[in-house]
Protein backbone atom coordinates (compact mmCIF):
# COMPACT_ATOMS: atom_id res chain seq x y z
CA MET A 1 0.00 0.00 0.00
CA SER A 2 2.92 2.35 -0.41
CA GLY A 3 0.97 4.44 -2.93
CA TYR A 4 -1.28 5.73 -0.15
CA ASN A 5 1.75 6.86 1.79
CA THR A 6 3.93 8.18 -1.00
CA VAL A 7 4.98 11.80 -0.78
CA GLN A 8 6.76 13.54 -3.61
CA ASP A 9 8.66 16.79 -3.10
CA GLY A 10 6.18 19.52 -2.28
CA GLU A 11 3.17 17.20 -2.34
CA ASN A 12 0.94 15.80 0.37
CA SER A 13 0.27 12.12 0.96
CA LEU A 14 -3.29 11.18 0.07
CA LEU A 15 -4.24 11.02 3.74
CA HIS A 16 -2.81 14.46 4.47
CA ALA A 17 -4.57 15.86 1.39
CA ALA A 18 -7.88 14.29 2.44
CA VAL A 19 -7.55 15.75 5.93
CA LEU A 20 -6.67 19.19 4.57
CA SER A 21 -9.64 19.12 2.20
CA GLY A 22 -12.00 18.04 5.00
CA ASP A 23 -13.07 14.92 3.08
CA GLU A 24 -14.12 12.62 5.90
CA THR A 25 -15.29 9.89 3.50
CA LEU A 26 -11.90 9.75 1.81
CA VAL A 27 -10.12 9.80 5.17
CA GLN A 28 -12.20 6.79 6.25
CA ARG A 29 -11.46 4.97 2.99
CA LEU A 30 -7.72 5.60 3.31
CA ILE A 31 -7.80 4.37 6.91
CA THR A 32 -9.41 1.12 5.78
CA GLN A 33 -6.74 0.83 3.09
CA ARG A 34 -4.10 1.10 5.83
CA ALA A 35 -2.73 4.53 5.06
CA GLU A 36 0.13 5.38 7.40
CA LEU A 37 -1.44 7.34 10.25
CA ASN A 38 1.80 8.63 11.76
CA LYS A 39 3.45 9.88 8.56
CA GLU A 40 4.68 13.43 9.09
CA GLU A 41 4.58 16.25 6.57
CA ASP A 42 5.69 19.74 7.47
CA ASP A 43 6.31 18.34 10.94
CA SER A 44 2.63 17.34 11.34
CA THR A 45 0.78 14.04 11.32
CA PRO A 46 -2.71 13.80 9.79
CA LEU A 47 -4.17 13.96 13.32
CA PHE A 48 -2.32 17.16 14.15
CA LYS A 49 -3.51 18.68 10.87
CA ALA A 50 -7.13 17.70 11.65
CA VAL A 51 -6.92 19.20 15.13
CA GLY A 52 -5.26 22.33 13.76
CA LEU A 53 -8.09 22.74 11.26
CA ASP A 54 -10.64 22.26 14.04
CA ASP A 55 -12.19 19.26 12.27
CA PRO A 56 -13.49 17.05 15.07
CA ALA A 57 -15.09 14.41 12.81
CA ILE A 58 -11.82 13.69 11.03
CA ALA A 59 -9.84 13.86 14.27
CA ILE A 60 -12.22 11.33 15.85
CA ALA A 61 -11.93 9.04 12.81
CA LEU A 62 -8.14 9.13 13.07
CA LEU A 63 -8.20 8.54 16.82
CA SER A 64 -10.64 5.65 16.38
CA ALA A 65 -8.14 4.14 13.95
CA ARG A 66 -5.48 4.45 16.67
CA ALA A 67 -3.55 7.35 15.15
CA PRO A 68 -0.70 8.24 17.52
CA ARG A 69 -1.59 11.09 19.89
CA ASN A 70 1.96 12.26 20.34
CA ARG A 71 5.23 12.03 18.50
């Protein structure tokens, strides 16, 4: 499943992009496809991005999938 976790220079992983766009359905789909929940971009995990964007539904989905709460 490396494609879900691949990051090219200056690009977001699919999970980070889904979080940033607020697409909860896509976030859930990527979680079920085993996207890497602790992958950091710009020194932030998807969970930290969701919390920073004040998106509780996505943050709860990531926490329910056991996303790490700290680094």
